[in-house]
Amino acid sequence: MSSINVVETADALPTAWNSYSLGEVGAACVKVLRMDSSPVQEEVHGADEVLLVLNGRLELLVEGTEVIVETGEMYRVPAGTPHAVGPGSHGTLVIVEESGA
């Protein structure tokens, strides 16, 4: 397998906020997406989700509390936790979640 430029892969995606699977490791799926300052409605997942900001900024609302995740930082959203993305989030986001979640 060759290396993958994750930022270039995200930049080439035709639509923001639609993730692209980079591959699986055990029971985890690693995805990338491009954030474009648009908000994303609240969602809840049945498994933990790890959000890693490669560049830019992710503005989350987690159970009513604002959480800012900056470049190089990650945030774990526990299973069953309502969370939404606020306007202004931009850059490249890597998501690690259970396969099939």
N, C-alpha and C. Protein backbone atom coordinates (compact mmCIF):
# COMPACT_ATOMS: atom_id res chain seq x y z
N MET A 1 0.84 -1.18 0.00
CA MET A 1 0.00 0.00 0.00
C MET A 1 0.88 1.24 0.00
N SER A 2 0.49 2.23 -0.75
CA SER A 2 1.25 3.48 -0.78
C SER A 2 0.68 4.47 0.23
N SER A 3 1.42 5.52 0.48
CA SER A 3 0.95 6.53 1.43
C SER A 3 -0.18 7.35 0.81
N ILE A 4 -0.96 7.96 1.68
CA ILE A 4 -2.11 8.77 1.25
C ILE A 4 -1.92 10.17 1.81
N ASN A 5 -2.03 11.17 0.95
CA ASN A 5 -2.02 12.55 1.43
C ASN A 5 -3.45 12.87 1.84
N VAL A 6 -3.69 12.88 3.12
CA VAL A 6 -5.05 13.01 3.66
C VAL A 6 -5.65 14.38 3.35
N VAL A 7 -4.85 15.43 3.46
CA VAL A 7 -5.36 16.78 3.19
C VAL A 7 -5.73 16.92 1.71
N GLU A 8 -4.89 16.44 0.81
CA GLU A 8 -5.21 16.50 -0.62
C GLU A 8 -6.45 15.67 -0.94
N THR A 9 -6.60 14.53 -0.30
CA THR A 9 -7.77 13.68 -0.51
C THR A 9 -9.04 14.42 -0.09
N ALA A 10 -9.00 15.08 1.07
CA ALA A 10 -10.16 15.84 1.55
C ALA A 10 -10.45 17.00 0.61
N ASP A 11 -9.41 17.72 0.19
CA ASP A 11 -9.60 18.88 -0.69
C ASP A 11 -10.23 18.48 -2.03
N ALA A 12 -9.97 17.26 -2.47
CA ALA A 12 -10.48 16.79 -3.77
C ALA A 12 -11.92 16.27 -3.70
N LEU A 13 -12.46 16.12 -2.48
CA LEU A 13 -13.83 15.62 -2.37
C LEU A 13 -14.81 16.62 -2.98
N PRO A 14 -15.78 16.14 -3.75
CA PRO A 14 -16.68 17.05 -4.44
C PRO A 14 -17.64 17.81 -3.53
N THR A 15 -17.94 17.26 -2.37
CA THR A 15 -18.91 17.87 -1.47
C THR A 15 -18.35 17.89 -0.05
N ALA A 16 -18.48 19.05 0.60
CA ALA A 16 -18.07 19.16 2.00
C ALA A 16 -19.00 18.32 2.88
N TRP A 17 -18.48 17.90 4.00
CA TRP A 17 -19.21 17.17 5.03
C TRP A 17 -19.64 15.77 4.60
N ASN A 18 -19.20 15.28 3.45
CA ASN A 18 -19.43 13.89 3.05
C ASN A 18 -18.11 13.16 3.21
N SER A 19 -18.05 12.23 4.13
CA SER A 19 -16.79 11.57 4.43
C SER A 19 -16.41 10.54 3.37
N TYR A 20 -15.10 10.30 3.30
CA TYR A 20 -14.52 9.32 2.40
C TYR A 20 -13.70 8.36 3.26
N SER A 21 -13.95 7.06 3.10
CA SER A 21 -13.24 6.06 3.89
C SER A 21 -11.82 5.87 3.35
N LEU A 22 -10.84 6.05 4.24
CA LEU A 22 -9.44 5.83 3.88
C LEU A 22 -9.05 4.38 4.10
N GLY A 23 -9.80 3.66 4.95
CA GLY A 23 -9.51 2.27 5.21
C GLY A 23 -9.97 1.86 6.60
N GLU A 24 -9.77 0.59 6.90
CA GLU A 24 -10.16 0.04 8.19
C GLU A 24 -8.95 -0.54 8.91
N VAL A 25 -8.99 -0.41 10.22
CA VAL A 25 -7.97 -1.00 11.09
C VAL A 25 -8.72 -1.74 12.17
N GLY A 26 -8.69 -3.06 12.12
CA GLY A 26 -9.48 -3.85 13.07
C GLY A 26 -10.95 -3.52 12.90
N ALA A 27 -11.59 -3.12 13.98
CA ALA A 27 -13.02 -2.78 13.94
C ALA A 27 -13.26 -1.30 13.68
N ALA A 28 -12.17 -0.54 13.42
CA ALA A 28 -12.31 0.90 13.23
C ALA A 28 -12.21 1.29 11.76
N CYS A 29 -13.02 2.26 11.39
CA CYS A 29 -12.99 2.84 10.05
C CYS A 29 -12.39 4.24 10.17
N VAL A 30 -11.43 4.55 9.31
CA VAL A 30 -10.79 5.87 9.30
C VAL A 30 -11.32 6.62 8.08
N LYS A 31 -11.93 7.78 8.34
CA LYS A 31 -12.55 8.57 7.28
C LYS A 31 -11.97 9.98 7.28
N VAL A 32 -12.07 10.65 6.15
CA VAL A 32 -11.65 12.04 6.05
C VAL A 32 -12.79 12.83 5.41
N LEU A 33 -12.88 14.11 5.78
CA LEU A 33 -13.85 14.99 5.12
C LEU A 33 -13.34 16.41 5.13
N ARG A 34 -13.95 17.21 4.29
CA ARG A 34 -13.63 18.62 4.17
C ARG A 34 -14.75 19.42 4.83
N MET A 35 -14.35 20.30 5.77
CA MET A 35 -15.32 21.17 6.44
C MET A 35 -15.36 22.50 5.68
N ASP A 36 -16.55 23.09 5.53
CA ASP A 36 -16.66 24.31 4.71
C ASP A 36 -17.41 25.45 5.40
N SER A 37 -17.37 25.54 6.68
CA SER A 37 -18.01 26.60 7.47
C SER A 37 -19.52 26.45 7.61
N SER A 38 -20.11 25.46 6.97
CA SER A 38 -21.55 25.22 7.11
C SER A 38 -21.82 24.43 8.38
N PRO A 39 -22.94 24.71 9.06
CA PRO A 39 -23.28 23.91 10.24
C PRO A 39 -23.80 22.53 9.84
N VAL A 40 -23.72 21.61 10.77
CA VAL A 40 -24.25 20.25 10.56
C VAL A 40 -25.19 19.96 11.72
N GLN A 41 -26.38 19.46 11.39
CA GLN A 41 -27.40 19.20 12.41
C GLN A 41 -26.93 18.17 13.43
N GLU A 42 -27.58 18.21 14.58
CA GLU A 42 -27.25 17.30 15.67
C GLU A 42 -27.42 15.85 15.24
N GLU A 43 -26.50 15.02 15.72
CA GLU A 43 -26.56 13.59 15.45
C GLU A 43 -26.09 12.83 16.68
N VAL A 44 -26.42 11.54 16.71
CA VAL A 44 -26.02 10.65 17.79
C VAL A 44 -25.56 9.35 17.16
N HIS A 45 -24.47 8.79 17.67
CA HIS A 45 -23.95 7.54 17.14
C HIS A 45 -24.00 6.45 18.21
N GLY A 46 -24.08 5.21 17.77
CA GLY A 46 -24.14 4.09 18.69
C GLY A 46 -22.79 3.64 19.20
N ALA A 47 -21.72 4.24 18.69
CA ALA A 47 -20.36 3.91 19.13
C ALA A 47 -19.57 5.20 19.31
N ASP A 48 -18.48 5.13 20.08
CA ASP A 48 -17.62 6.29 20.23
C ASP A 48 -17.12 6.75 18.87
N GLU A 49 -16.83 8.04 18.78
CA GLU A 49 -16.31 8.62 17.55
C GLU A 49 -15.15 9.54 17.94
N VAL A 50 -14.02 9.42 17.25
CA VAL A 50 -12.88 10.29 17.49
C VAL A 50 -12.78 11.26 16.33
N LEU A 51 -12.68 12.55 16.64
CA LEU A 51 -12.60 13.61 15.63
C LEU A 51 -11.23 14.27 15.76
N LEU A 52 -10.43 14.22 14.70
CA LEU A 52 -9.07 14.75 14.68
C LEU A 52 -8.99 15.84 13.62
N VAL A 53 -8.68 17.06 14.04
CA VAL A 53 -8.58 18.19 13.11
C VAL A 53 -7.14 18.25 12.59
N LEU A 54 -6.96 17.96 11.29
CA LEU A 54 -5.62 18.04 10.70
C LEU A 54 -5.23 19.48 10.44
N ASN A 55 -6.19 20.27 9.96
CA ASN A 55 -5.96 21.70 9.80
C ASN A 55 -7.31 22.39 9.91
N GLY A 56 -7.27 23.65 10.31
CA GLY A 56 -8.51 24.39 10.48
C GLY A 56 -9.01 24.35 11.91
N ARG A 57 -10.34 24.31 12.02
CA ARG A 57 -10.98 24.41 13.34
C ARG A 57 -12.36 23.75 13.29
N LEU A 58 -12.67 22.97 14.29
CA LEU A 58 -13.98 22.32 14.41
C LEU A 58 -14.70 22.94 15.60
N GLU A 59 -15.90 23.47 15.36
CA GLU A 59 -16.70 24.06 16.41
C GLU A 59 -17.89 23.14 16.67
N LEU A 60 -17.83 22.45 17.80
CA LEU A 60 -18.86 21.48 18.16
C LEU A 60 -19.79 22.05 19.22
N LEU A 61 -20.99 21.52 19.23
CA LEU A 61 -21.92 21.74 20.33
C LEU A 61 -22.24 20.34 20.85
N VAL A 62 -21.73 20.02 22.03
CA VAL A 62 -21.85 18.68 22.60
C VAL A 62 -22.74 18.78 23.83
N GLU A 63 -23.93 18.20 23.73
CA GLU A 63 -24.92 18.26 24.81
C GLU A 63 -25.09 19.69 25.32
N GLY A 64 -25.15 20.64 24.39
CA GLY A 64 -25.39 22.03 24.75
C GLY A 64 -24.16 22.83 25.14
N THR A 65 -22.99 22.19 25.17
CA THR A 65 -21.75 22.87 25.54
C THR A 65 -20.87 23.05 24.31
N GLU A 66 -20.35 24.29 24.12
CA GLU A 66 -19.47 24.56 22.99
C GLU A 66 -18.10 23.94 23.24
N VAL A 67 -17.60 23.24 22.24
CA VAL A 67 -16.27 22.62 22.30
C VAL A 67 -15.54 23.04 21.03
N ILE A 68 -14.37 23.65 21.18
CA ILE A 68 -13.55 24.05 20.04
C ILE A 68 -12.39 23.08 19.93
N VAL A 69 -12.20 22.52 18.73
CA VAL A 69 -11.09 21.60 18.47
C VAL A 69 -10.23 22.26 17.39
N GLU A 70 -9.00 22.58 17.76
CA GLU A 70 -8.09 23.30 16.87
C GLU A 70 -7.18 22.33 16.10
N THR A 71 -6.43 22.86 15.14
CA THR A 71 -5.46 22.09 14.37
C THR A 71 -4.58 21.25 15.28
N GLY A 72 -4.47 19.97 14.95
CA GLY A 72 -3.63 19.07 15.72
C GLY A 72 -4.29 18.48 16.95
N GLU A 73 -5.51 18.89 17.24
CA GLU A 73 -6.22 18.38 18.41
C GLU A 73 -7.26 17.34 18.01
N MET A 74 -7.63 16.50 18.97
CA MET A 74 -8.70 15.53 18.72
C MET A 74 -9.68 15.58 19.88
N TYR A 75 -10.89 15.10 19.59
CA TYR A 75 -11.95 15.07 20.58
C TYR A 75 -12.70 13.75 20.43
N ARG A 76 -12.97 13.08 21.55
CA ARG A 76 -13.74 11.83 21.51
C ARG A 76 -15.17 12.13 21.92
N VAL A 77 -16.10 11.77 21.05
CA VAL A 77 -17.52 11.89 21.35
C VAL A 77 -17.99 10.52 21.81
N PRO A 78 -18.38 10.38 23.07
CA PRO A 78 -18.83 9.08 23.56
C PRO A 78 -20.11 8.61 22.86
N ALA A 79 -20.28 7.33 22.75
CA ALA A 79 -21.49 6.75 22.16
C ALA A 79 -22.72 7.32 22.85
N GLY A 80 -23.74 7.62 22.06
CA GLY A 80 -24.99 8.11 22.60
C GLY A 80 -25.02 9.58 22.94
N THR A 81 -23.95 10.31 22.66
CA THR A 81 -23.87 11.73 23.00
C THR A 81 -24.33 12.60 21.83
N PRO A 82 -25.38 13.39 22.02
CA PRO A 82 -25.81 14.30 20.95
C PRO A 82 -24.75 15.37 20.69
N HIS A 83 -24.43 15.59 19.40
CA HIS A 83 -23.45 16.61 19.04
C HIS A 83 -23.79 17.18 17.67
N ALA A 84 -23.45 18.45 17.48
CA ALA A 84 -23.70 19.15 16.22
C ALA A 84 -22.46 19.98 15.91
N VAL A 85 -22.34 20.38 14.65
CA VAL A 85 -21.24 21.23 14.21
C VAL A 85 -21.77 22.63 13.98
N GLY A 86 -21.11 23.60 14.60
CA GLY A 86 -21.53 24.98 14.44
C GLY A 86 -20.95 25.62 13.20
N PRO A 87 -21.54 26.73 12.76
CA PRO A 87 -21.02 27.45 11.60
C PRO A 87 -19.61 27.96 11.90
N GLY A 88 -18.79 27.98 10.89
CA GLY A 88 -17.41 28.45 11.06
C GLY A 88 -16.38 27.34 11.07
N SER A 89 -16.81 26.10 11.23
CA SER A 89 -15.86 24.98 11.18
C SER A 89 -15.30 24.89 9.76
N HIS A 90 -13.99 24.73 9.66
CA HIS A 90 -13.36 24.68 8.34
C HIS A 90 -12.07 23.87 8.41
N GLY A 91 -11.65 23.33 7.29
CA GLY A 91 -10.40 22.58 7.22
C GLY A 91 -10.62 21.11 6.94
N THR A 92 -9.70 20.30 7.44
CA THR A 92 -9.70 18.86 7.18
C THR A 92 -9.93 18.11 8.49
N LEU A 93 -10.89 17.20 8.46
CA LEU A 93 -11.26 16.42 9.65
C LEU A 93 -11.10 14.94 9.36
N VAL A 94 -10.43 14.24 10.28
CA VAL A 94 -10.33 12.78 10.23
C VAL A 94 -11.28 12.24 11.31
N ILE A 95 -12.08 11.25 10.93
CA ILE A 95 -13.02 10.61 11.85
C ILE A 95 -12.62 9.15 11.98
N VAL A 96 -12.51 8.68 13.21
CA VAL A 96 -12.26 7.26 13.47
C VAL A 96 -13.46 6.75 14.25
N GLU A 97 -14.12 5.76 13.68
CA GLU A 97 -15.31 5.20 14.32
C GLU A 97 -15.39 3.71 14.04
N GLU A 98 -16.25 3.05 14.77
CA GLU A 98 -16.44 1.62 14.58
C GLU A 98 -16.96 1.37 13.17
N SER A 99 -16.41 0.37 12.49
CA SER A 99 -16.87 0.04 11.14
C SER A 99 -18.36 -0.25 11.15
N GLY A 100 -19.06 0.31 10.17
CA GLY A 100 -20.48 0.10 10.06
C GLY A 100 -21.31 1.02 10.93
N ALA A 101 -20.65 1.89 11.69
CA ALA A 101 -21.38 2.82 12.58
C ALA A 101 -21.90 4.01 11.81
